[in-house]
Amino acid sequence: MEALIQFLTQHGYIVLAAWVLAEQIGLPLPAAPVLLAAGAMSARGPFDFWAALGVSVFGCLVGDLFWFRIGQRGNHRVLQFICRMSLEPDTCVRRTSTLIEKYGPKSLLITKFIPGLNAVAAPLAGSAGVSLPKFLTFNVLGSVLWCGCFLGIGYIFRERVSDIALWMGQFKWAIVLALLFVIPAAYITFKYWQRRKFAREIWMERITPEELLQRIQAGETVVVVDLRHGLDFLPDPRTLPNAIRMAPDELEYRYEEIPRDGDVVLYCT
């Protein structure tokens, strides 16, 4: 943190805007520590708080506009690439799209505060048909809330930030190794084990498309429930014949539509 403060003092607002922009376009450079340091420095004089807020919001806006335009053009390969970088690719789009469908552009006010949602909120807003004026309005407000929150915390607790910087300076190499390697490796290992455990639990209950086709052609009573989200049809609009279409969150009140006189096959992504 001490080195970060010195670096920001020398290079100023350009570094702040570039760092925030880098996170918004998907680079693994967390902007929160930089915003905290900038907030602490604004109380001492090298930075002006409102100027720091302005350049930070500008960095957010440039990155988010880039992804918003990609979403408008329907570039689903890019969206799939973003989700594959996530440790939970099967929920990457679903959680964000559900939030946008439920609250509309207003959801952009909070997506930056929720890990995993910020990366896909802008392109999904574009693909969902949110108009540019609405996107700009709520995106700017959300960026002001997010940047202002970290800048404000750094400003209010500036003495604590300095103490933390001095303490971290004594163990800087150990902290750097932990932040760069140990903690991410432990988290990725845990998530990988969690997903493998879940896959083993459901593997015996899976059925291949070929097996399902054979059972249908043999005249067996098989009910297919298509649980794919509406956005899953954008890259591949094909549907299964005679399948019952419903979203996973609709099962609570539409379960009676599923016949009970045969096996039920759930189709999801």
C-alpha atoms as a PDB file:
ATOM      1  CA  MET A   1       0.000   0.000   0.000  1.00  0.00           C
ATOM      2  CA  GLU A   2       2.893   2.369   0.799  1.00  0.00           C
ATOM      3  CA  ALA A   3       4.483   1.760  -2.608  1.00  0.00           C
ATOM      4  CA  LEU A   4       1.056   2.169  -4.197  1.00  0.00           C
ATOM      5  CA  ILE A   5       0.597   5.584  -2.559  1.00  0.00           C
ATOM      6  CA  GLN A   6       4.039   6.716  -3.750  1.00  0.00           C
ATOM      7  CA  PHE A   7       3.269   5.506  -7.262  1.00  0.00           C
ATOM      8  CA  LEU A   8      -0.039   7.378  -7.328  1.00  0.00           C
ATOM      9  CA  THR A   9       1.657  10.538  -6.017  1.00  0.00           C
ATOM     10  CA  GLN A  10       4.135  10.506  -8.885  1.00  0.00           C
ATOM     11  CA  HIS A  11       1.762   9.682 -11.736  1.00  0.00           C
ATOM     12  CA  GLY A  12      -1.523  11.076 -10.479  1.00  0.00           C
ATOM     13  CA  TYR A  13      -4.928  10.877 -12.058  1.00  0.00           C
ATOM     14  CA  ILE A  14      -3.838   9.124 -15.269  1.00  0.00           C
ATOM     15  CA  VAL A  15      -2.846   6.027 -13.324  1.00  0.00           C
ATOM     16  CA  LEU A  16      -6.103   6.111 -11.360  1.00  0.00           C
ATOM     17  CA  ALA A  17      -8.257   6.309 -14.491  1.00  0.00           C
ATOM     18  CA  ALA A  18      -6.185   3.675 -16.326  1.00  0.00           C
ATOM     19  CA  TRP A  19      -6.300   1.263 -13.376  1.00  0.00           C
ATOM     20  CA  VAL A  20     -10.065   1.516 -13.025  1.00  0.00           C
ATOM     21  CA  LEU A  21     -10.465   1.136 -16.790  1.00  0.00           C
ATOM     22  CA  ALA A  22      -8.252  -1.967 -16.761  1.00  0.00           C
ATOM     23  CA  GLU A  23     -10.495  -3.687 -14.219  1.00  0.00           C
ATOM     24  CA  GLN A  24     -13.653  -2.747 -16.116  1.00  0.00           C
ATOM     25  CA  ILE A  25     -12.404  -4.270 -19.374  1.00  0.00           C
ATOM     26  CA  GLY A  26     -11.610  -7.523 -17.580  1.00  0.00           C
ATOM     27  CA  LEU A  27      -7.935  -7.398 -16.615  1.00  0.00           C
ATOM     28  CA  PRO A  28      -7.106  -8.970 -13.214  1.00  0.00           C
ATOM     29  CA  LEU A  29      -6.183  -5.633 -11.619  1.00  0.00           C
ATOM     30  CA  PRO A  30      -8.471  -4.883  -8.643  1.00  0.00           C
ATOM     31  CA  ALA A  31      -9.177  -1.170  -8.441  1.00  0.00           C
ATOM     32  CA  ALA A  32     -10.431  -1.091  -4.845  1.00  0.00           C
ATOM     33  CA  PRO A  33      -6.953  -0.728  -3.231  1.00  0.00           C
ATOM     34  CA  VAL A  34      -6.080   2.062  -5.677  1.00  0.00           C
ATOM     35  CA  LEU A  35      -9.322   3.899  -4.911  1.00  0.00           C
ATOM     36  CA  LEU A  36      -8.715   3.522  -1.168  1.00  0.00           C
ATOM     37  CA  ALA A  37      -5.201   4.918  -1.545  1.00  0.00           C
ATOM     38  CA  ALA A  38      -6.463   7.799  -3.703  1.00  0.00           C
ATOM     39  CA  GLY A  39      -9.122   8.604  -1.102  1.00  0.00           C
ATOM     40  CA  ALA A  40      -6.506   8.684   1.659  1.00  0.00           C
ATOM     41  CA  MET A  41      -4.262  10.900  -0.446  1.00  0.00           C
ATOM     42  CA  SER A  42      -7.094  13.332  -1.214  1.00  0.00           C
ATOM     43  CA  ALA A  43      -7.190  14.189   2.496  1.00  0.00           C
ATOM     44  CA  ARG A  44      -3.495  15.111   2.449  1.00  0.00           C
ATOM     45  CA  GLY A  45      -3.308  17.245  -0.656  1.00  0.00           C
ATOM     46  CA  PRO A  46      -1.739  15.307  -3.590  1.00  0.00           C
ATOM     47  CA  PHE A  47      -5.212  14.414  -4.862  1.00  0.00           C
ATOM     48  CA  ASP A  48      -8.450  16.336  -5.025  1.00  0.00           C
ATOM     49  CA  PHE A  49     -11.337  14.109  -3.928  1.00  0.00           C
ATOM     50  CA  TRP A  50     -13.812  15.291  -6.580  1.00  0.00           C
ATOM     51  CA  ALA A  51     -11.236  15.144  -9.360  1.00  0.00           C
ATOM     52  CA  ALA A  52     -10.314  11.587  -8.295  1.00  0.00           C
ATOM     53  CA  LEU A  53     -13.999  10.670  -8.343  1.00  0.00           C
ATOM     54  CA  GLY A  54     -14.398  12.194 -11.802  1.00  0.00           C
ATOM     55  CA  VAL A  55     -11.492  10.343 -13.426  1.00  0.00           C
ATOM     56  CA  SER A  56     -12.489   7.076 -11.728  1.00  0.00           C
ATOM     57  CA  VAL A  57     -16.039   7.309 -13.049  1.00  0.00           C
ATOM     58  CA  PHE A  58     -14.634   8.164 -16.480  1.00  0.00           C
ATOM     59  CA  GLY A  59     -12.537   4.963 -16.425  1.00  0.00           C
ATOM     60  CA  CYS A  60     -15.634   2.937 -15.498  1.00  0.00           C
ATOM     61  CA  LEU A  61     -17.701   4.560 -18.229  1.00  0.00           C
ATOM     62  CA  VAL A  62     -15.188   3.928 -21.012  1.00  0.00           C
ATOM     63  CA  GLY A  63     -14.815   0.239 -20.133  1.00  0.00           C
ATOM     64  CA  ASP A  64     -18.536  -0.337 -19.645  1.00  0.00           C
ATOM     65  CA  LEU A  65     -19.437   1.415 -22.904  1.00  0.00           C
ATOM     66  CA  PHE A  66     -17.024  -0.869 -24.718  1.00  0.00           C
ATOM     67  CA  TRP A  67     -18.799  -3.993 -23.379  1.00  0.00           C
ATOM     68  CA  PHE A  68     -22.243  -2.447 -23.826  1.00  0.00           C
ATOM     69  CA  ARG A  69     -21.623  -1.929 -27.542  1.00  0.00           C
ATOM     70  CA  ILE A  70     -20.414  -5.523 -27.883  1.00  0.00           C
ATOM     71  CA  GLY A  71     -23.618  -6.703 -26.218  1.00  0.00           C
ATOM     72  CA  GLN A  72     -25.702  -4.557 -28.587  1.00  0.00           C
ATOM     73  CA  ARG A  73     -24.013  -6.136 -31.588  1.00  0.00           C
ATOM     74  CA  GLY A  74     -24.844  -9.605 -30.285  1.00  0.00           C
ATOM     75  CA  ASN A  75     -21.265 -10.802 -30.036  1.00  0.00           C
ATOM     76  CA  HIS A  76     -22.047 -13.874 -27.921  1.00  0.00           C
ATOM     77  CA  ARG A  77     -18.619 -15.421 -28.432  1.00  0.00           C
ATOM     78  CA  VAL A  78     -17.107 -12.598 -26.404  1.00  0.00           C
ATOM     79  CA  LEU A  79     -19.747 -13.071 -23.707  1.00  0.00           C
ATOM     80  CA  GLN A  80     -19.039 -16.800 -23.575  1.00  0.00           C
ATOM     81  CA  PHE A  81     -15.314 -16.046 -23.298  1.00  0.00           C
ATOM     82  CA  ILE A  82     -15.956 -13.783 -20.300  1.00  0.00           C
ATOM     83  CA  CYS A  83     -17.994 -16.496 -18.618  1.00  0.00           C
ATOM     84  CA  ARG A  84     -15.374 -19.163 -19.228  1.00  0.00           C
ATOM     85  CA  MET A  85     -12.896 -17.029 -17.292  1.00  0.00           C
ATOM     86  CA  SER A  86     -15.292 -17.187 -14.331  1.00  0.00           C
ATOM     87  CA  LEU A  87     -14.912 -19.929 -11.735  1.00  0.00           C
ATOM     88  CA  GLU A  88     -18.661 -20.457 -11.969  1.00  0.00           C
ATOM     89  CA  PRO A  89     -19.412 -20.158 -15.702  1.00  0.00           C
ATOM     90  CA  ASP A  90     -22.817 -21.827 -15.413  1.00  0.00           C
ATOM     91  CA  THR A  91     -24.099 -19.040 -13.158  1.00  0.00           C
ATOM     92  CA  CYS A  92     -22.082 -16.166 -14.598  1.00  0.00           C
ATOM     93  CA  VAL A  93     -24.753 -15.002 -17.051  1.00  0.00           C
ATOM     94  CA  ARG A  94     -27.803 -16.401 -15.301  1.00  0.00           C
ATOM     95  CA  ARG A  95     -27.507 -14.374 -12.078  1.00  0.00           C
ATOM     96  CA  THR A  96     -26.827 -11.144 -13.939  1.00  0.00           C
ATOM     97  CA  SER A  97     -29.553 -11.627 -16.546  1.00  0.00           C
ATOM     98  CA  THR A  98     -32.084 -12.461 -13.821  1.00  0.00           C
ATOM     99  CA  LEU A  99     -31.128  -9.280 -11.989  1.00  0.00           C
ATOM    100  CA  ILE A 100     -31.477  -7.190 -15.157  1.00  0.00           C
ATOM    101  CA  GLU A 101     -34.819  -8.806 -16.042  1.00  0.00           C
ATOM    102  CA  LYS A 102     -36.180  -8.190 -12.543  1.00  0.00           C
ATOM    103  CA  TYR A 103     -34.983  -4.628 -11.946  1.00  0.00           C
ATOM    104  CA  GLY A 104     -34.127  -3.420 -15.449  1.00  0.00           C
ATOM    105  CA  PRO A 105     -31.379  -0.814 -15.897  1.00  0.00           C
ATOM    106  CA  LYS A 106     -31.658   0.027 -12.176  1.00  0.00           C
ATOM    107  CA  SER A 107     -29.680  -3.139 -11.468  1.00  0.00           C
ATOM    108  CA  LEU A 108     -26.595  -1.340 -12.827  1.00  0.00           C
ATOM    109  CA  LEU A 109     -26.590   0.665  -9.598  1.00  0.00           C
ATOM    110  CA  ILE A 110     -25.376  -2.351  -7.611  1.00  0.00           C
ATOM    111  CA  THR A 111     -23.711  -4.793 -10.025  1.00  0.00           C
ATOM    112  CA  LYS A 112     -20.253  -3.294  -9.427  1.00  0.00           C
ATOM    113  CA  PHE A 113     -20.523  -4.231  -5.757  1.00  0.00           C
ATOM    114  CA  ILE A 114     -21.266  -7.915  -6.477  1.00  0.00           C
ATOM    115  CA  PRO A 115     -18.261 -10.083  -7.454  1.00  0.00           C
ATOM    116  CA  GLY A 116     -18.831 -11.904 -10.724  1.00  0.00           C
ATOM    117  CA  LEU A 117     -21.679  -9.710 -11.940  1.00  0.00           C
ATOM    118  CA  ASN A 118     -19.742  -6.613 -12.940  1.00  0.00           C
ATOM    119  CA  ALA A 119     -17.949  -8.434 -15.769  1.00  0.00           C
ATOM    120  CA  VAL A 120     -21.137  -9.294 -17.672  1.00  0.00           C
ATOM    121  CA  ALA A 121     -23.597  -6.577 -16.592  1.00  0.00           C
ATOM    122  CA  ALA A 122     -22.737  -4.113 -19.375  1.00  0.00           C
ATOM    123  CA  PRO A 123     -22.779  -6.587 -22.324  1.00  0.00           C
ATOM    124  CA  LEU A 124     -25.961  -8.205 -21.028  1.00  0.00           C
ATOM    125  CA  ALA A 125     -27.624  -4.808 -20.713  1.00  0.00           C
ATOM    126  CA  GLY A 126     -26.730  -4.184 -24.357  1.00  0.00           C
ATOM    127  CA  SER A 127     -28.018  -7.560 -25.549  1.00  0.00           C
ATOM    128  CA  ALA A 128     -31.192  -7.142 -23.460  1.00  0.00           C
ATOM    129  CA  GLY A 129     -32.151  -4.029 -25.431  1.00  0.00           C
ATOM    130  CA  VAL A 130     -31.489  -1.379 -22.762  1.00  0.00           C
ATOM    131  CA  SER A 131     -31.346   1.993 -24.518  1.00  0.00           C
ATOM    132  CA  LEU A 132     -28.090   3.945 -24.507  1.00  0.00           C
ATOM    133  CA  PRO A 133     -29.495   6.935 -22.522  1.00  0.00           C
ATOM    134  CA  LYS A 134     -30.828   4.640 -19.784  1.00  0.00           C
ATOM    135  CA  PHE A 135     -27.595   2.671 -19.707  1.00  0.00           C
ATOM    136  CA  LEU A 136     -25.510   5.829 -19.396  1.00  0.00           C
ATOM    137  CA  THR A 137     -27.742   7.241 -16.658  1.00  0.00           C
ATOM    138  CA  PHE A 138     -27.706   4.204 -14.386  1.00  0.00           C
ATOM    139  CA  ASN A 139     -24.158   3.188 -15.237  1.00  0.00           C
ATOM    140  CA  VAL A 140     -22.816   6.613 -14.291  1.00  0.00           C
ATOM    141  CA  LEU A 141     -24.832   6.602 -11.056  1.00  0.00           C
ATOM    142  CA  GLY A 142     -23.612   3.097 -10.232  1.00  0.00           C
ATOM    143  CA  SER A 143     -20.022   4.092 -11.005  1.00  0.00           C
ATOM    144  CA  VAL A 144     -20.314   7.163  -8.767  1.00  0.00           C
ATOM    145  CA  LEU A 145     -21.632   4.977  -5.926  1.00  0.00           C
ATOM    146  CA  TRP A 146     -18.915   2.353  -6.361  1.00  0.00           C
ATOM    147  CA  CYS A 147     -15.956   4.710  -6.807  1.00  0.00           C
ATOM    148  CA  GLY A 148     -17.266   7.164  -4.222  1.00  0.00           C
ATOM    149  CA  CYS A 149     -17.674   4.387  -1.669  1.00  0.00           C
ATOM    150  CA  PHE A 150     -14.017   3.311  -1.815  1.00  0.00           C
ATOM    151  CA  LEU A 151     -12.699   6.847  -2.156  1.00  0.00           C
ATOM    152  CA  GLY A 152     -14.827   7.900   0.807  1.00  0.00           C
ATOM    153  CA  ILE A 153     -13.647   4.987   2.959  1.00  0.00           C
ATOM    154  CA  GLY A 154     -10.048   5.865   2.139  1.00  0.00           C
ATOM    155  CA  TYR A 155     -10.705   9.536   2.957  1.00  0.00           C
ATOM    156  CA  ILE A 156     -12.456   8.854   6.281  1.00  0.00           C
ATOM    157  CA  PHE A 157     -10.009   6.206   7.471  1.00  0.00           C
ATOM    158  CA  ARG A 158      -6.902   7.852   6.039  1.00  0.00           C
ATOM    159  CA  GLU A 159      -4.928   7.358   9.261  1.00  0.00           C
ATOM    160  CA  ARG A 160      -5.792   3.674   9.293  1.00  0.00           C
ATOM    161  CA  VAL A 161      -4.786   3.372   5.653  1.00  0.00           C
ATOM    162  CA  SER A 162      -1.399   4.867   6.521  1.00  0.00           C
ATOM    163  CA  ASP A 163      -0.970   2.490   9.470  1.00  0.00           C
ATOM    164  CA  ILE A 164      -1.892  -0.463   7.273  1.00  0.00           C
ATOM    165  CA  ALA A 165       0.582   0.732   4.641  1.00  0.00           C
ATOM    166  CA  LEU A 166       3.391   0.916   7.210  1.00  0.00           C
ATOM    167  CA  TRP A 167       2.510  -2.508   8.609  1.00  0.00           C
ATOM    168  CA  MET A 168       2.315  -4.045   5.143  1.00  0.00           C
ATOM    169  CA  GLY A 169       5.693  -2.523   4.303  1.00  0.00           C
ATOM    170  CA  GLN A 170       7.322  -4.778   6.933  1.00  0.00           C
ATOM    171  CA  PHE A 171       5.907  -7.935   5.341  1.00  0.00           C
ATOM    172  CA  LYS A 172       5.532  -6.771   1.764  1.00  0.00           C
ATOM    173  CA  TRP A 173       7.049  -9.828   0.087  1.00  0.00           C
ATOM    174  CA  ALA A 174       4.996 -12.281   2.124  1.00  0.00           C
ATOM    175  CA  ILE A 175       1.829 -10.252   1.434  1.00  0.00           C
ATOM    176  CA  VAL A 176       2.599 -10.017  -2.289  1.00  0.00           C
ATOM    177  CA  LEU A 177       3.122 -13.789  -2.490  1.00  0.00           C
ATOM    178  CA  ALA A 178      -0.091 -14.424  -0.564  1.00  0.00           C
ATOM    179  CA  LEU A 179      -2.139 -12.055  -2.707  1.00  0.00           C
ATOM    180  CA  LEU A 180      -0.710 -13.216  -6.012  1.00  0.00           C
ATOM    181  CA  PHE A 181      -0.376 -16.946  -5.462  1.00  0.00           C
ATOM    182  CA  VAL A 182      -1.410 -18.513  -2.155  1.00  0.00           C
ATOM    183  CA  ILE A 183      -4.919 -17.077  -1.681  1.00  0.00           C
ATOM    184  CA  PRO A 184      -5.980 -17.357  -5.381  1.00  0.00           C
ATOM    185  CA  ALA A 185      -4.574 -20.896  -5.588  1.00  0.00           C
ATOM    186  CA  ALA A 186      -6.408 -21.964  -2.433  1.00  0.00           C
ATOM    187  CA  TYR A 187      -9.684 -20.456  -3.637  1.00  0.00           C
ATOM    188  CA  ILE A 188      -9.421 -21.988  -7.116  1.00  0.00           C
ATOM    189  CA  THR A 189      -8.564 -25.389  -5.604  1.00  0.00           C
ATOM    190  CA  PHE A 190     -11.595 -25.212  -3.315  1.00  0.00           C
ATOM    191  CA  LYS A 191     -13.961 -24.217  -6.138  1.00  0.00           C
ATOM    192  CA  TYR A 192     -12.543 -26.939  -8.396  1.00  0.00           C
ATOM    193  CA  TRP A 193     -13.034 -29.563  -5.678  1.00  0.00           C
ATOM    194  CA  GLN A 194     -16.545 -28.280  -5.041  1.00  0.00           C
ATOM    195  CA  ARG A 195     -17.514 -28.528  -8.715  1.00  0.00           C
ATOM    196  CA  ARG A 196     -15.934 -31.971  -9.108  1.00  0.00           C
ATOM    197  CA  LYS A 197     -17.811 -33.226  -6.047  1.00  0.00           C
ATOM    198  CA  PHE A 198     -21.092 -31.928  -7.465  1.00  0.00           C
ATOM    199  CA  ALA A 199     -20.349 -33.478 -10.882  1.00  0.00           C
ATOM    200  CA  ARG A 200     -19.685 -36.890  -9.286  1.00  0.00           C
ATOM    201  CA  GLU A 201     -22.933 -36.716  -7.356  1.00  0.00           C
ATOM    202  CA  ILE A 202     -25.078 -36.114 -10.441  1.00  0.00           C
ATOM    203  CA  TRP A 203     -23.105 -38.121 -12.986  1.00  0.00           C
ATOM    204  CA  MET A 204     -24.990 -41.385 -12.389  1.00  0.00           C
ATOM    205  CA  GLU A 205     -28.281 -39.617 -13.081  1.00  0.00           C
ATOM    206  CA  ARG A 206     -27.265 -38.246 -16.463  1.00  0.00           C
ATOM    207  CA  ILE A 207     -28.584 -39.454 -19.796  1.00  0.00           C
ATOM    208  CA  THR A 208     -26.972 -38.895 -23.169  1.00  0.00           C
ATOM    209  CA  PRO A 209     -28.913 -37.409 -26.110  1.00  0.00           C
ATOM    210  CA  GLU A 210     -28.547 -40.729 -27.946  1.00  0.00           C
ATOM    211  CA  GLU A 211     -30.015 -42.691 -25.026  1.00  0.00           C
ATOM    212  CA  LEU A 212     -32.918 -40.255 -24.753  1.00  0.00           C
ATOM    213  CA  LEU A 213     -33.646 -40.546 -28.485  1.00  0.00           C
ATOM    214  CA  GLN A 214     -33.610 -44.338 -28.308  1.00  0.00           C
ATOM    215  CA  ARG A 215     -36.088 -44.349 -25.428  1.00  0.00           C
ATOM    216  CA  ILE A 216     -38.436 -41.959 -27.249  1.00  0.00           C
ATOM    217  CA  GLN A 217     -38.234 -43.998 -30.481  1.00  0.00           C
ATOM    218  CA  ALA A 218     -38.959 -47.154 -28.462  1.00  0.00           C
ATOM    219  CA  GLY A 219     -42.244 -45.640 -27.342  1.00  0.00           C
ATOM    220  CA  GLU A 220     -41.325 -45.081 -23.711  1.00  0.00           C
ATOM    221  CA  THR A 221     -43.083 -42.270 -21.873  1.00  0.00           C
ATOM    222  CA  VAL A 222     -40.372 -39.688 -21.289  1.00  0.00           C
ATOM    223  CA  VAL A 223     -41.122 -36.078 -20.373  1.00  0.00           C
ATOM    224  CA  VAL A 224     -38.447 -33.523 -21.253  1.00  0.00           C
ATOM    225  CA  VAL A 225     -38.420 -30.283 -19.234  1.00  0.00           C
ATOM    226  CA  ASP A 226     -36.323 -27.579 -20.900  1.00  0.00           C
ATOM    227  CA  LEU A 227     -34.903 -25.437 -18.090  1.00  0.00           C
ATOM    228  CA  ARG A 228     -32.614 -23.303 -20.189  1.00  0.00           C
ATOM    229  CA  HIS A 229     -32.669 -19.556 -19.620  1.00  0.00           C
ATOM    230  CA  GLY A 230     -33.979 -17.348 -22.407  1.00  0.00           C
ATOM    231  CA  LEU A 231     -30.474 -15.996 -23.038  1.00  0.00           C
ATOM    232  CA  ASP A 232     -29.216 -19.534 -23.664  1.00  0.00           C
ATOM    233  CA  PHE A 233     -31.216 -19.520 -26.901  1.00  0.00           C
ATOM    234  CA  LEU A 234     -29.376 -16.501 -28.312  1.00  0.00           C
ATOM    235  CA  PRO A 235     -26.325 -18.441 -29.590  1.00  0.00           C
ATOM    236  CA  ASP A 236     -28.410 -21.577 -30.372  1.00  0.00           C
ATOM    237  CA  PRO A 237     -32.171 -20.998 -30.916  1.00  0.00           C
ATOM    238  CA  ARG A 238     -33.018 -24.668 -31.533  1.00  0.00           C
ATOM    239  CA  THR A 239     -35.578 -26.303 -29.232  1.00  0.00           C
ATOM    240  CA  LEU A 240     -36.468 -29.877 -28.320  1.00  0.00           C
ATOM    241  CA  PRO A 241     -39.748 -31.222 -29.824  1.00  0.00           C
ATOM    242  CA  ASN A 242     -42.617 -31.507 -27.322  1.00  0.00           C
ATOM    243  CA  ALA A 243     -40.436 -30.315 -24.438  1.00  0.00           C
ATOM    244  CA  ILE A 244     -42.024 -28.311 -21.616  1.00  0.00           C
ATOM    245  CA  ARG A 245     -40.326 -24.917 -21.487  1.00  0.00           C
ATOM    246  CA  MET A 246     -39.869 -23.208 -18.123  1.00  0.00           C
ATOM    247  CA  ALA A 247     -37.180 -21.332 -16.222  1.00  0.00           C
ATOM    248  CA  PRO A 248     -35.679 -22.955 -13.098  1.00  0.00           C
ATOM    249  CA  ASP A 249     -37.310 -20.368 -10.823  1.00  0.00           C
ATOM    250  CA  GLU A 250     -40.711 -21.245 -12.329  1.00  0.00           C
ATOM    251  CA  LEU A 251     -40.625 -24.812 -11.026  1.00  0.00           C
ATOM    252  CA  GLU A 252     -42.166 -23.736  -7.710  1.00  0.00           C
ATOM    253  CA  TYR A 253     -45.501 -22.765  -9.258  1.00  0.00           C
ATOM    254  CA  ARG A 254     -45.499 -24.700 -12.555  1.00  0.00           C
ATOM    255  CA  TYR A 255     -44.494 -28.145 -11.285  1.00  0.00           C
ATOM    256  CA  GLU A 256     -48.057 -29.411 -11.752  1.00  0.00           C
ATOM    257  CA  GLU A 257     -47.599 -29.088 -15.528  1.00  0.00           C
ATOM    258  CA  ILE A 258     -45.061 -31.938 -15.439  1.00  0.00           C
ATOM    259  CA  PRO A 259     -46.782 -35.329 -16.025  1.00  0.00           C
ATOM    260  CA  ARG A 260     -46.181 -38.058 -13.470  1.00  0.00           C
ATOM    261  CA  ASP A 261     -46.767 -41.098 -15.725  1.00  0.00           C
ATOM    262  CA  GLY A 262     -43.174 -41.500 -16.903  1.00  0.00           C
ATOM    263  CA  ASP A 263     -39.563 -40.578 -16.384  1.00  0.00           C
ATOM    264  CA  VAL A 264     -38.693 -36.861 -16.354  1.00  0.00           C
ATOM    265  CA  VAL A 265     -35.552 -35.610 -18.083  1.00  0.00           C
ATOM    266  CA  LEU A 266     -34.316 -32.120 -17.178  1.00  0.00           C
ATOM    267  CA  TYR A 267     -32.458 -30.295 -19.950  1.00  0.00           C
ATOM    268  CA  CYS A 268     -30.267 -27.429 -18.780  1.00  0.00           C
ATOM    269  CA  THR A 269     -26.919 -25.797 -19.538  1.00  0.00           C
END
